[in-house]
PDB file of N, CA and C in Angstrom:
ATOM      1  N   MET A   1       0.839  -1.273  -0.335  1.00  0.00           N
ATOM      2  CA  MET A   1      -0.141  -0.188   0.307  1.00  0.00           C
ATOM      3  C   MET A   1       0.985   1.472   0.081  1.00  0.00           C
ATOM      4  N   THR A   2       0.920   2.164  -0.893  1.00  0.00           N
ATOM      5  CA  THR A   2       1.215   3.483  -1.009  1.00  0.00           C
ATOM      6  C   THR A   2       0.821   4.428  -0.957  1.00  0.00           C
ATOM      7  N   VAL A   3       0.593   5.386   0.329  1.00  0.00           N
ATOM      8  CA  VAL A   3       0.285   6.483   0.729  1.00  0.00           C
ATOM      9  C   VAL A   3       0.700   7.632   0.293  1.00  0.00           C
ATOM     10  N   ARG A   4       0.029   8.667  -0.265  1.00  0.00           N
ATOM     11  CA  ARG A   4       0.833  10.203  -0.221  1.00  0.00           C
ATOM     12  C   ARG A   4      -0.558  10.976   0.692  1.00  0.00           C
ATOM     13  N   LYS A   5       0.374  12.012   1.004  1.00  0.00           N
ATOM     14  CA  LYS A   5      -0.478  13.176   1.442  1.00  0.00           C
ATOM     15  C   LYS A   5      -0.235  14.227   0.625  1.00  0.00           C
ATOM     16  N   LEU A   6      -1.312  14.928  -0.051  1.00  0.00           N
ATOM     17  CA  LEU A   6      -1.380  16.345  -0.981  1.00  0.00           C
ATOM     18  C   LEU A   6      -2.141  17.502  -0.587  1.00  0.00           C
ATOM     19  N   LEU A   7      -1.705  18.321  -0.345  1.00  0.00           N
ATOM     20  CA  LEU A   7      -2.220  19.929  -0.101  1.00  0.00           C
ATOM     21  C   LEU A   7      -2.705  20.285  -1.607  1.00  0.00           C
ATOM     22  N   VAL A   8      -4.274  20.185  -1.528  1.00  0.00           N
ATOM     23  CA  VAL A   8      -5.234  20.755  -3.258  1.00  0.00           C
ATOM     24  C   VAL A   8      -5.080  22.032  -2.772  1.00  0.00           C
ATOM     25  N   THR A   9      -5.347  23.277  -3.931  1.00  0.00           N
ATOM     26  CA  THR A   9      -5.267  24.318  -4.027  1.00  0.00           C
ATOM     27  C   THR A   9      -6.730  24.577  -4.728  1.00  0.00           C
ATOM     28  N   LEU A  10      -7.878  25.030  -4.434  1.00  0.00           N
ATOM     29  CA  LEU A  10      -8.787  24.801  -5.133  1.00  0.00           C
ATOM     30  C   LEU A  10      -9.322  26.493  -5.710  1.00  0.00           C
ATOM     31  N   ASP A  11     -10.008  26.142  -6.943  1.00  0.00           N
ATOM     32  CA  ASP A  11     -10.439  27.303  -7.647  1.00  0.00           C
ATOM     33  C   ASP A  11     -11.489  28.641  -6.960  1.00  0.00           C
ATOM     34  N   PRO A  12     -10.944  29.262  -6.642  1.00  0.00           N
ATOM     35  CA  PRO A  12     -12.235  30.265  -6.228  1.00  0.00           C
ATOM     36  C   PRO A  12     -13.608  29.908  -6.354  1.00  0.00           C
ATOM     37  N   GLY A  13     -14.536  30.197  -5.932  1.00  0.00           N
ATOM     38  CA  GLY A  13     -15.906  29.935  -6.505  1.00  0.00           C
ATOM     39  C   GLY A  13     -16.765  28.829  -5.612  1.00  0.00           C
ATOM     40  N   GLU A  14     -17.832  28.785  -4.546  1.00  0.00           N
ATOM     41  CA  GLU A  14     -18.278  27.450  -4.211  1.00  0.00           C
ATOM     42  C   GLU A  14     -18.711  26.537  -5.257  1.00  0.00           C
ATOM     43  N   ARG A  15     -19.109  26.950  -6.431  1.00  0.00           N
ATOM     44  CA  ARG A  15     -19.733  26.086  -7.192  1.00  0.00           C
ATOM     45  C   ARG A  15     -18.279  25.092  -7.854  1.00  0.00           C
ATOM     46  N   SER A  16     -17.155  25.425  -8.089  1.00  0.00           N
ATOM     47  CA  SER A  16     -16.052  24.903  -8.013  1.00  0.00           C
ATOM     48  C   SER A  16     -15.904  23.575  -7.075  1.00  0.00           C
ATOM     49  N   ARG A  17     -15.632  24.566  -6.234  1.00  0.00           N
ATOM     50  CA  ARG A  17     -15.269  23.739  -4.558  1.00  0.00           C
ATOM     51  C   ARG A  17     -16.403  22.582  -4.373  1.00  0.00           C
ATOM     52  N   ARG A  18     -17.559  22.723  -4.432  1.00  0.00           N
ATOM     53  CA  ARG A  18     -18.454  21.788  -4.417  1.00  0.00           C
ATOM     54  C   ARG A  18     -18.176  20.598  -5.504  1.00  0.00           C
ATOM     55  N   SER A  19     -17.888  20.958  -6.989  1.00  0.00           N
ATOM     56  CA  SER A  19     -17.726  20.314  -8.027  1.00  0.00           C
ATOM     57  C   SER A  19     -16.651  19.235  -7.502  1.00  0.00           C
ATOM     58  N   VAL A  20     -15.426  19.761  -6.764  1.00  0.00           N
ATOM     59  CA  VAL A  20     -14.551  19.019  -6.875  1.00  0.00           C
ATOM     60  C   VAL A  20     -13.895  18.100  -5.393  1.00  0.00           C
ATOM     61  N   LEU A  21     -14.883  18.653  -4.414  1.00  0.00           N
ATOM     62  CA  LEU A  21     -15.600  17.748  -3.053  1.00  0.00           C
ATOM     63  C   LEU A  21     -16.265  16.548  -3.608  1.00  0.00           C
ATOM     64  N   TYR A  22     -16.970  16.824  -4.615  1.00  0.00           N
ATOM     65  CA  TYR A  22     -17.823  15.767  -5.079  1.00  0.00           C
ATOM     66  C   TYR A  22     -17.325  15.052  -5.683  1.00  0.00           C
ATOM     67  N   VAL A  23     -16.208  14.800  -6.477  1.00  0.00           N
ATOM     68  CA  VAL A  23     -15.364  13.789  -7.673  1.00  0.00           C
ATOM     69  C   VAL A  23     -14.705  13.196  -6.640  1.00  0.00           C
ATOM     70  N   LEU A  24     -14.117  14.294  -5.543  1.00  0.00           N
ATOM     71  CA  LEU A  24     -13.238  13.148  -4.743  1.00  0.00           C
ATOM     72  C   LEU A  24     -13.683  12.383  -3.841  1.00  0.00           C
ATOM     73  N   SER A  25     -14.665  12.613  -3.309  1.00  0.00           N
ATOM     74  CA  SER A  25     -15.494  11.945  -2.477  1.00  0.00           C
ATOM     75  C   SER A  25     -16.295  10.476  -3.294  1.00  0.00           C
ATOM     76  N   ARG A  26     -16.074  10.479  -4.483  1.00  0.00           N
ATOM     77  CA  ARG A  26     -16.509   9.674  -5.241  1.00  0.00           C
ATOM     78  C   ARG A  26     -15.415   8.140  -5.289  1.00  0.00           C
ATOM     79  N   ASP A  27     -14.354   8.482  -4.859  1.00  0.00           N
ATOM     80  CA  ASP A  27     -12.946   7.931  -5.163  1.00  0.00           C
ATOM     81  C   ASP A  27     -12.872   7.130  -3.841  1.00  0.00           C
ATOM     82  N   PRO A  28     -12.912   5.693  -3.855  1.00  0.00           N
ATOM     83  CA  PRO A  28     -12.294   5.268  -2.370  1.00  0.00           C
ATOM     84  C   PRO A  28     -10.693   5.197  -1.877  1.00  0.00           C
ATOM     85  N   ARG A  29      -9.833   5.633  -2.957  1.00  0.00           N
ATOM     86  CA  ARG A  29      -8.627   5.901  -2.789  1.00  0.00           C
ATOM     87  C   ARG A  29      -8.208   7.144  -2.218  1.00  0.00           C
ATOM     88  N   ILE A  30      -9.416   7.940  -1.973  1.00  0.00           N
ATOM     89  CA  ILE A  30      -8.793   9.331  -1.800  1.00  0.00           C
ATOM     90  C   ILE A  30      -9.587  10.007  -0.484  1.00  0.00           C
ATOM     91  N   HIS A  31      -8.956  10.107   0.355  1.00  0.00           N
ATOM     92  CA  HIS A  31      -9.682  10.514   1.941  1.00  0.00           C
ATOM     93  C   HIS A  31      -9.523  12.033   1.903  1.00  0.00           C
ATOM     94  N   VAL A  32     -10.582  12.971   2.192  1.00  0.00           N
ATOM     95  CA  VAL A  32     -10.387  14.684   1.963  1.00  0.00           C
ATOM     96  C   VAL A  32     -10.401  15.084   3.630  1.00  0.00           C
ATOM     97  N   GLY A  33      -9.636  15.706   3.943  1.00  0.00           N
ATOM     98  CA  GLY A  33      -9.676  16.486   4.897  1.00  0.00           C
ATOM     99  C   GLY A  33     -10.482  18.060   5.190  1.00  0.00           C
ATOM    100  N   PRO A  34     -10.507  18.418   5.802  1.00  0.00           N
ATOM    101  CA  PRO A  34     -11.757  19.520   5.787  1.00  0.00           C
ATOM    102  C   PRO A  34     -10.613  20.687   5.170  1.00  0.00           C
ATOM    103  N   VAL A  35     -11.675  21.448   4.523  1.00  0.00           N
ATOM    104  CA  VAL A  35     -11.506  22.756   3.912  1.00  0.00           C
ATOM    105  C   VAL A  35     -11.009  24.354   4.564  1.00  0.00           C
ATOM    106  N   ASP A  36      -9.840  24.484   4.415  1.00  0.00           N
ATOM    107  CA  ASP A  36      -9.783  25.759   5.246  1.00  0.00           C
ATOM    108  C   ASP A  36      -9.050  26.781   3.746  1.00  0.00           C
ATOM    109  N   GLY A  37      -9.756  27.781   3.869  1.00  0.00           N
ATOM    110  CA  GLY A  37      -9.899  28.629   2.540  1.00  0.00           C
ATOM    111  C   GLY A  37     -10.079  27.970   1.402  1.00  0.00           C
ATOM    112  N   ASN A  38      -9.027  28.532   0.697  1.00  0.00           N
ATOM    113  CA  ASN A  38      -9.059  27.363  -0.494  1.00  0.00           C
ATOM    114  C   ASN A  38      -8.476  26.532  -0.501  1.00  0.00           C
ATOM    115  N   ARG A  39      -8.026  26.014   0.538  1.00  0.00           N
ATOM    116  CA  ARG A  39      -6.497  24.566   0.694  1.00  0.00           C
ATOM    117  C   ARG A  39      -7.635  23.358   0.885  1.00  0.00           C
ATOM    118  N   LEU A  40      -7.143  22.068   0.458  1.00  0.00           N
ATOM    119  CA  LEU A  40      -7.617  21.172   1.054  1.00  0.00           C
ATOM    120  C   LEU A  40      -6.921  20.300   1.258  1.00  0.00           C
ATOM    121  N   PRO A  41      -6.600  19.676   2.306  1.00  0.00           N
ATOM    122  CA  PRO A  41      -6.212  18.028   2.460  1.00  0.00           C
ATOM    123  C   PRO A  41      -6.474  17.050   1.989  1.00  0.00           C
ATOM    124  N   VAL A  42      -5.327  16.337   1.066  1.00  0.00           N
ATOM    125  CA  VAL A  42      -5.824  15.210   0.632  1.00  0.00           C
ATOM    126  C   VAL A  42      -5.177  13.990   0.996  1.00  0.00           C
ATOM    127  N   VAL A  43      -5.120  12.459   1.275  1.00  0.00           N
ATOM    128  CA  VAL A  43      -4.909  11.661   1.581  1.00  0.00           C
ATOM    129  C   VAL A  43      -4.745  10.588   0.346  1.00  0.00           C
ATOM    130  N   THR A  44      -4.070   9.910  -0.324  1.00  0.00           N
ATOM    131  CA  THR A  44      -4.808   8.958  -1.301  1.00  0.00           C
ATOM    132  C   THR A  44      -3.642   7.859  -0.950  1.00  0.00           C
ATOM    133  N   GLU A  45      -4.419   6.592  -0.887  1.00  0.00           N
ATOM    134  CA  GLU A  45      -3.990   5.162  -0.892  1.00  0.00           C
ATOM    135  C   GLU A  45      -4.060   4.573  -2.120  1.00  0.00           C
ATOM    136  N   THR A  46      -3.300   3.971  -2.560  1.00  0.00           N
ATOM    137  CA  THR A  46      -3.089   3.215  -3.779  1.00  0.00           C
ATOM    138  C   THR A  46      -2.154   2.041  -3.576  1.00  0.00           C
ATOM    139  N   PRO A  47      -2.122   1.057  -4.476  1.00  0.00           N
ATOM    140  CA  PRO A  47      -1.792  -0.868  -4.071  1.00  0.00           C
ATOM    141  C   PRO A  47       0.034  -0.193  -4.716  1.00  0.00           C
ATOM    142  N   SER A  48       0.395   0.527  -5.389  1.00  0.00           N
ATOM    143  CA  SER A  48       1.599   0.724  -5.816  1.00  0.00           C
ATOM    144  C   SER A  48       2.115   2.579  -6.109  1.00  0.00           C
ATOM    145  N   PRO A  49       3.304   2.797  -6.074  1.00  0.00           N
ATOM    146  CA  PRO A  49       3.908   4.218  -6.570  1.00  0.00           C
ATOM    147  C   PRO A  49       2.822   4.636  -7.598  1.00  0.00           C
ATOM    148  N   GLU A  50       3.271   3.203  -8.957  1.00  0.00           N
ATOM    149  CA  GLU A  50       3.069   3.695 -10.250  1.00  0.00           C
ATOM    150  C   GLU A  50       1.676   4.289  -9.984  1.00  0.00           C
ATOM    151  N   GLU A  51       0.513   3.576  -9.351  1.00  0.00           N
ATOM    152  CA  GLU A  51      -0.677   3.617  -9.273  1.00  0.00           C
ATOM    153  C   GLU A  51      -0.816   5.748  -8.457  1.00  0.00           C
ATOM    154  N   GLY A  52      -0.340   5.692  -7.211  1.00  0.00           N
ATOM    155  CA  GLY A  52      -0.465   6.893  -6.838  1.00  0.00           C
ATOM    156  C   GLY A  52      -0.136   7.701  -7.595  1.00  0.00           C
ATOM    157  N   GLU A  53       1.174   7.986  -8.549  1.00  0.00           N
ATOM    158  CA  GLU A  53       1.472   9.077  -9.287  1.00  0.00           C
ATOM    159  C   GLU A  53       0.251   8.927 -10.267  1.00  0.00           C
ATOM    160  N   ASP A  54      -0.091   8.270 -10.913  1.00  0.00           N
ATOM    161  CA  ASP A  54      -1.158   8.145 -11.796  1.00  0.00           C
ATOM    162  C   ASP A  54      -2.417   8.868 -11.211  1.00  0.00           C
ATOM    163  N   LEU A  55      -2.896   8.176  -9.831  1.00  0.00           N
ATOM    164  CA  LEU A  55      -3.828   9.458  -9.336  1.00  0.00           C
ATOM    165  C   LEU A  55      -3.562  10.562  -8.965  1.00  0.00           C
ATOM    166  N   THR A  56      -1.844  11.039  -8.894  1.00  0.00           N
ATOM    167  CA  THR A  56      -2.273  12.381  -8.670  1.00  0.00           C
ATOM    168  C   THR A  56      -2.133  12.868  -9.754  1.00  0.00           C
ATOM    169  N   GLU A  57      -1.515  12.756 -10.936  1.00  0.00           N
ATOM    170  CA  GLU A  57      -1.881  13.629 -12.027  1.00  0.00           C
ATOM    171  C   GLU A  57      -3.304  13.607 -12.633  1.00  0.00           C
ATOM    172  N   GLN A  58      -4.344  12.462 -12.522  1.00  0.00           N
ATOM    173  CA  GLN A  58      -5.217  12.707 -12.410  1.00  0.00           C
ATOM    174  C   GLN A  58      -6.131  13.876 -11.728  1.00  0.00           C
ATOM    175  N   LEU A  59      -5.792  13.977 -10.437  1.00  0.00           N
ATOM    176  CA  LEU A  59      -6.058  14.668  -9.627  1.00  0.00           C
ATOM    177  C   LEU A  59      -5.820  16.586  -9.687  1.00  0.00           C
ATOM    178  N   ARG A  60      -5.132  16.621 -10.420  1.00  0.00           N
ATOM    179  CA  ARG A  60      -4.556  17.754 -10.974  1.00  0.00           C
ATOM    180  C   ARG A  60      -5.417  18.010 -12.239  1.00  0.00           C
ATOM    181  N   GLN A  61      -6.056  17.282 -13.062  1.00  0.00           N
ATOM    182  CA  GLN A  61      -6.758  17.402 -13.897  1.00  0.00           C
ATOM    183  C   GLN A  61      -7.976  17.735 -13.711  1.00  0.00           C
ATOM    184  N   VAL A  62      -8.778  17.367 -12.676  1.00  0.00           N
ATOM    185  CA  VAL A  62      -9.625  17.779 -11.839  1.00  0.00           C
ATOM    186  C   VAL A  62     -10.082  18.992 -12.430  1.00  0.00           C
ATOM    187  N   PRO A  63     -11.327  19.900 -13.168  1.00  0.00           N
ATOM    188  CA  PRO A  63     -12.068  21.050 -13.444  1.00  0.00           C
ATOM    189  C   PRO A  63     -12.297  21.405 -11.477  1.00  0.00           C
ATOM    190  N   GLY A  64     -11.805  22.627 -11.426  1.00  0.00           N
ATOM    191  CA  GLY A  64     -11.669  23.429  -9.822  1.00  0.00           C
ATOM    192  C   GLY A  64     -10.669  23.177  -9.258  1.00  0.00           C
ATOM    193  N   VAL A  65      -9.757  22.539  -9.769  1.00  0.00           N
ATOM    194  CA  VAL A  65      -8.220  21.931  -8.538  1.00  0.00           C
ATOM    195  C   VAL A  65      -7.186  23.438  -9.558  1.00  0.00           C
ATOM    196  N   HIS A  66      -6.868  24.287  -8.922  1.00  0.00           N
ATOM    197  CA  HIS A  66      -5.962  25.202  -9.184  1.00  0.00           C
ATOM    198  C   HIS A  66      -4.322  24.634  -9.161  1.00  0.00           C
ATOM    199  N   SER A  67      -4.223  24.196  -8.132  1.00  0.00           N
ATOM    200  CA  SER A  67      -2.825  23.413  -8.002  1.00  0.00           C
ATOM    201  C   SER A  67      -3.005  22.015  -7.154  1.00  0.00           C
ATOM    202  N   LEU A  68      -1.903  21.617  -7.272  1.00  0.00           N
ATOM    203  CA  LEU A  68      -1.798  20.456  -6.437  1.00  0.00           C
ATOM    204  C   LEU A  68      -0.457  20.280  -5.664  1.00  0.00           C
ATOM    205  N   GLU A  69       0.072  19.958  -4.397  1.00  0.00           N
ATOM    206  CA  GLU A  69       1.288  19.665  -3.923  1.00  0.00           C
ATOM    207  C   GLU A  69       0.977  18.628  -3.514  1.00  0.00           C
ATOM    208  N   VAL A  70       2.484  18.417  -3.711  1.00  0.00           N
ATOM    209  CA  VAL A  70       2.832  16.527  -3.056  1.00  0.00           C
ATOM    210  C   VAL A  70       3.782  17.259  -1.408  1.00  0.00           C
ATOM    211  N   LEU A  71       2.970  16.841  -0.466  1.00  0.00           N
ATOM    212  CA  LEU A  71       3.416  17.023   1.097  1.00  0.00           C
ATOM    213  C   LEU A  71       4.216  15.446   1.498  1.00  0.00           C
ATOM    214  N   ASN A  72       4.157  14.552   0.951  1.00  0.00           N
ATOM    215  CA  ASN A  72       5.088  13.835   1.130  1.00  0.00           C
ATOM    216  C   ASN A  72       4.941  11.747   0.071  1.00  0.00           C
ATOM    217  N   PRO A  73       5.232  12.125  -0.531  1.00  0.00           N
ATOM    218  CA  PRO A  73       5.150  10.907  -1.896  1.00  0.00           C
ATOM    219  C   PRO A  73       5.609   9.581  -1.048  1.00  0.00           C
ATOM    220  N   ASP A  74       4.580   8.587  -1.649  1.00  0.00           N
ATOM    221  CA  ASP A  74       5.072   7.493  -1.546  1.00  0.00           C
ATOM    222  C   ASP A  74       5.833   6.490  -0.321  1.00  0.00           C
ATOM    223  N   VAL A  75       4.778   6.813   0.847  1.00  0.00           N
ATOM    224  CA  VAL A  75       5.285   6.202   2.194  1.00  0.00           C
ATOM    225  C   VAL A  75       4.486   5.024   2.835  1.00  0.00           C
ATOM    226  N   GLY A  76       4.853   4.437   3.071  1.00  0.00           N
ATOM    227  CA  GLY A  76       4.188   3.074   3.530  1.00  0.00           C
ATOM    228  C   GLY A  76       3.000   3.544   4.374  1.00  0.00           C
ATOM    229  N   ALA A  77       2.027   2.766   4.324  1.00  0.00           N
ATOM    230  CA  ALA A  77       0.298   2.916   5.378  1.00  0.00           C
ATOM    231  C   ALA A  77       0.929   3.176   6.484  1.00  0.00           C
ATOM    232  N   GLU A  78       1.924   2.322   7.141  1.00  0.00           N
ATOM    233  CA  GLU A  78       1.826   1.834   9.021  1.00  0.00           C
ATOM    234  C   GLU A  78       2.374   3.335   9.711  1.00  0.00           C
ATOM    235  N   VAL A  79       3.021   4.071   8.350  1.00  0.00           N
ATOM    236  CA  VAL A  79       3.584   5.442   8.885  1.00  0.00           C
ATOM    237  C   VAL A  79       2.769   6.430   8.693  1.00  0.00           C
ATOM    238  N   VAL A  80       2.088   6.271   8.082  1.00  0.00           N
ATOM    239  CA  VAL A  80       1.063   7.780   7.668  1.00  0.00           C
ATOM    240  C   VAL A  80       0.205   7.701   9.105  1.00  0.00           C
ATOM    241  N   SER A  81       0.238   9.167   9.572  1.00  0.00           N
ATOM    242  CA  SER A  81      -1.119   9.689  10.329  1.00  0.00           C
ATOM    243  C   SER A  81      -2.014  10.328   9.468  1.00  0.00           C
ATOM    244  N   TYR A  82      -3.289   9.681   9.695  1.00  0.00           N
ATOM    245  CA  TYR A  82      -4.192   9.967   8.702  1.00  0.00           C
ATOM    246  C   TYR A  82      -4.528  11.802   9.166  1.00  0.00           C
ATOM    247  N   LEU A  83      -5.470  12.538   8.372  1.00  0.00           N
ATOM    248  CA  LEU A  83      -5.559  13.363   8.220  1.00  0.00           C
ATOM    249  C   LEU A  83      -6.465  13.629  10.115  1.00  0.00           C
TER     250      LEU A  83
END
């Protein structure tokens, strides 16, 4: 299991924010923390580092995601404290 902590910066606007939250909440590999202004902490869990990278790139393409920062790439699930 590969775990990544990400920080998503959302585009301004409530509609855009709701859209991103909806998309992310439908993927069981993604755990979403509380929104803080336009920032959203996210933890992803994937079977391999390659799948983690693919998921990160997919998240960058979600409409309403302004930017995405990888805070700790590809660590084992046993060493990560969830949101």
